Amino acid sequence: MTMTKTEKIVGTGIGLAAIAAAGTYLLSGARGAKNREILSGWAFKMKGEVLEAAENLKEMNKETYYKIVDDTAARYEGLQKVSAAELRRLTRDLKDAWEHISKELAH
């Protein structure tokens, strides 16, 4: 059985590619300036948890990535310092990063 290009990438460091792509998407350009401006400590921690979980994956696809984002967001629900609106926005931004991540993985 031969491996596809994506499977080879997955086997050789999908997490690093995901971290780089998501970090670039979320913290650079106009979107990044906006994100950096409003992010508090909990948001950076949540992003870090998502990226760390992605780094440990052997296989990455949209569903797996979204599950990581949803599972991580669920742990932040109900914390006093985290508003529901901020959590929804950050969850949406993290999910929006998938398009950028998947493009990076295709190279």
C-alpha atoms as a PDB file:
ATOM      1  CA  MET A   1       0.000   0.000   0.000  1.00  0.00           C
ATOM      2  CA  THR A   2       1.481   3.350  -1.004  1.00  0.00           C
ATOM      3  CA  MET A   3       1.043   6.446   1.089  1.00  0.00           C
ATOM      4  CA  THR A   4      -0.456   9.613  -0.319  1.00  0.00           C
ATOM      5  CA  LYS A   5       1.388  12.884   0.034  1.00  0.00           C
ATOM      6  CA  THR A   6      -0.933  13.879   2.881  1.00  0.00           C
ATOM      7  CA  GLU A   7      -0.330  10.598   4.716  1.00  0.00           C
ATOM      8  CA  LYS A   8       3.433  11.100   4.422  1.00  0.00           C
ATOM      9  CA  ILE A   9       3.127  14.602   5.827  1.00  0.00           C
ATOM     10  CA  VAL A  10       0.982  13.261   8.630  1.00  0.00           C
ATOM     11  CA  GLY A  11       3.594  10.660   9.465  1.00  0.00           C
ATOM     12  CA  THR A  12       6.437  13.172   9.539  1.00  0.00           C
ATOM     13  CA  GLY A  13       5.175  15.968  11.705  1.00  0.00           C
ATOM     14  CA  ILE A  14       1.613  17.009  11.080  1.00  0.00           C
ATOM     15  CA  GLY A  15       1.552  18.775  14.401  1.00  0.00           C
ATOM     16  CA  LEU A  16       4.401  21.112  13.562  1.00  0.00           C
ATOM     17  CA  ALA A  17       2.790  22.079  10.283  1.00  0.00           C
ATOM     18  CA  ALA A  18      -0.549  22.638  12.005  1.00  0.00           C
ATOM     19  CA  ILE A  19       1.014  24.777  14.705  1.00  0.00           C
ATOM     20  CA  ALA A  20       2.869  26.922  12.216  1.00  0.00           C
ATOM     21  CA  ALA A  21      -0.152  27.338   9.954  1.00  0.00           C
ATOM     22  CA  ALA A  22      -2.606  28.078  12.756  1.00  0.00           C
ATOM     23  CA  GLY A  23      -0.203  30.456  14.465  1.00  0.00           C
ATOM     24  CA  THR A  24       0.374  32.328  11.247  1.00  0.00           C
ATOM     25  CA  TYR A  25      -3.340  32.526  10.499  1.00  0.00           C
ATOM     26  CA  LEU A  26      -4.406  33.604  13.967  1.00  0.00           C
ATOM     27  CA  LEU A  27      -1.680  36.098  14.834  1.00  0.00           C
ATOM     28  CA  SER A  28      -0.512  37.725  11.601  1.00  0.00           C
ATOM     29  CA  GLY A  29      -1.999  40.326   9.307  1.00  0.00           C
ATOM     30  CA  ALA A  30      -5.103  42.364  10.046  1.00  0.00           C
ATOM     31  CA  ARG A  31      -6.871  39.451  11.748  1.00  0.00           C
ATOM     32  CA  GLY A  32      -3.792  38.844  13.891  1.00  0.00           C
ATOM     33  CA  ALA A  33      -3.576  42.475  14.996  1.00  0.00           C
ATOM     34  CA  LYS A  34      -7.225  42.335  16.039  1.00  0.00           C
ATOM     35  CA  ASN A  35      -6.705  39.010  17.831  1.00  0.00           C
ATOM     36  CA  ARG A  36      -3.560  40.169  19.637  1.00  0.00           C
ATOM     37  CA  GLU A  37      -5.361  43.309  20.750  1.00  0.00           C
ATOM     38  CA  ILE A  38      -8.259  41.536  22.463  1.00  0.00           C
ATOM     39  CA  LEU A  39      -6.732  38.262  23.570  1.00  0.00           C
ATOM     40  CA  SER A  40      -6.386  37.706  27.241  1.00  0.00           C
ATOM     41  CA  GLY A  41      -4.310  35.078  28.994  1.00  0.00           C
ATOM     42  CA  TRP A  42      -7.023  32.413  28.892  1.00  0.00           C
ATOM     43  CA  ALA A  43      -7.362  32.802  25.124  1.00  0.00           C
ATOM     44  CA  PHE A  44      -3.636  32.342  24.533  1.00  0.00           C
ATOM     45  CA  LYS A  45      -3.722  29.321  26.813  1.00  0.00           C
ATOM     46  CA  MET A  46      -6.687  27.838  24.925  1.00  0.00           C
ATOM     47  CA  LYS A  47      -4.971  28.363  21.566  1.00  0.00           C
ATOM     48  CA  GLY A  48      -1.850  26.750  22.945  1.00  0.00           C
ATOM     49  CA  GLU A  49      -3.842  23.734  24.120  1.00  0.00           C
ATOM     50  CA  VAL A  50      -5.452  23.347  20.693  1.00  0.00           C
ATOM     51  CA  LEU A  51      -2.084  23.595  18.961  1.00  0.00           C
ATOM     52  CA  GLU A  52      -0.441  21.176  21.401  1.00  0.00           C
ATOM     53  CA  ALA A  53      -3.207  18.629  20.858  1.00  0.00           C
ATOM     54  CA  ALA A  54      -2.824  19.033  17.083  1.00  0.00           C
ATOM     55  CA  GLU A  55       0.923  18.542  17.382  1.00  0.00           C
ATOM     56  CA  ASN A  56       0.375  15.140  18.985  1.00  0.00           C
ATOM     57  CA  LEU A  57      -1.888  13.845  16.213  1.00  0.00           C
ATOM     58  CA  LYS A  58      -0.807  11.096  13.876  1.00  0.00           C
ATOM     59  CA  GLU A  59      -3.566  12.019  11.421  1.00  0.00           C
ATOM     60  CA  MET A  60      -5.145  15.408  10.784  1.00  0.00           C
ATOM     61  CA  ASN A  61      -8.397  16.204   9.040  1.00  0.00           C
ATOM     62  CA  LYS A  62     -11.076  18.832   9.445  1.00  0.00           C
ATOM     63  CA  GLU A  63     -13.270  16.711  11.721  1.00  0.00           C
ATOM     64  CA  THR A  64     -10.381  15.806  14.021  1.00  0.00           C
ATOM     65  CA  TYR A  65      -9.230  19.420  14.216  1.00  0.00           C
ATOM     66  CA  TYR A  66     -12.764  20.706  14.915  1.00  0.00           C
ATOM     67  CA  LYS A  67     -13.166  18.098  17.661  1.00  0.00           C
ATOM     68  CA  ILE A  68      -9.962  19.318  19.302  1.00  0.00           C
ATOM     69  CA  VAL A  69     -11.253  22.901  19.160  1.00  0.00           C
ATOM     70  CA  ASP A  70     -14.689  21.924  20.533  1.00  0.00           C
ATOM     71  CA  ASP A  71     -13.258  19.745  23.310  1.00  0.00           C
ATOM     72  CA  THR A  72     -10.845  22.474  24.358  1.00  0.00           C
ATOM     73  CA  ALA A  73     -13.558  25.152  24.267  1.00  0.00           C
ATOM     74  CA  ALA A  74     -15.818  22.973  26.422  1.00  0.00           C
ATOM     75  CA  ARG A  75     -13.204  23.039  29.182  1.00  0.00           C
ATOM     76  CA  TYR A  76     -13.344  26.852  29.207  1.00  0.00           C
ATOM     77  CA  GLU A  77     -17.141  27.159  29.406  1.00  0.00           C
ATOM     78  CA  GLY A  78     -18.350  28.489  32.719  1.00  0.00           C
ATOM     79  CA  LEU A  79     -15.068  30.007  33.835  1.00  0.00           C
ATOM     80  CA  GLN A  80     -15.689  33.429  35.364  1.00  0.00           C
ATOM     81  CA  LYS A  81     -12.988  35.143  33.372  1.00  0.00           C
ATOM     82  CA  VAL A  82     -14.292  33.762  30.044  1.00  0.00           C
ATOM     83  CA  SER A  83     -17.375  35.350  28.527  1.00  0.00           C
ATOM     84  CA  ALA A  84     -19.579  33.200  26.316  1.00  0.00           C
ATOM     85  CA  ALA A  85     -19.235  35.704  23.461  1.00  0.00           C
ATOM     86  CA  GLU A  86     -15.426  35.706  23.655  1.00  0.00           C
ATOM     87  CA  LEU A  87     -15.333  31.921  23.778  1.00  0.00           C
ATOM     88  CA  ARG A  88     -17.635  31.640  20.728  1.00  0.00           C
ATOM     89  CA  ARG A  89     -15.489  34.127  18.796  1.00  0.00           C
ATOM     90  CA  LEU A  90     -12.248  32.361  19.632  1.00  0.00           C
ATOM     91  CA  THR A  91     -13.741  28.956  18.803  1.00  0.00           C
ATOM     92  CA  ARG A  92     -14.932  30.330  15.443  1.00  0.00           C
ATOM     93  CA  ASP A  93     -11.495  31.846  14.736  1.00  0.00           C
ATOM     94  CA  LEU A  94      -9.758  28.582  15.570  1.00  0.00           C
ATOM     95  CA  LYS A  95     -12.099  26.672  13.265  1.00  0.00           C
ATOM     96  CA  ASP A  96     -11.618  29.272  10.527  1.00  0.00           C
ATOM     97  CA  ALA A  97      -7.891  28.521  10.742  1.00  0.00           C
ATOM     98  CA  TRP A  98      -8.566  25.039   9.317  1.00  0.00           C
ATOM     99  CA  GLU A  99      -8.706  26.358   5.751  1.00  0.00           C
ATOM    100  CA  HIS A 100      -5.237  27.858   6.154  1.00  0.00           C
ATOM    101  CA  ILE A 101      -3.915  24.738   7.892  1.00  0.00           C
ATOM    102  CA  SER A 102      -5.255  22.410   5.200  1.00  0.00           C
ATOM    103  CA  LYS A 103      -3.615  24.515   2.477  1.00  0.00           C
ATOM    104  CA  GLU A 104      -0.276  24.295   4.272  1.00  0.00           C
ATOM    105  CA  LEU A 105      -0.655  20.540   4.640  1.00  0.00           C
ATOM    106  CA  ALA A 106      -1.343  20.170   0.915  1.00  0.00           C
ATOM    107  CA  HIS A 107       2.115  21.563   0.024  1.00  0.00           C
END
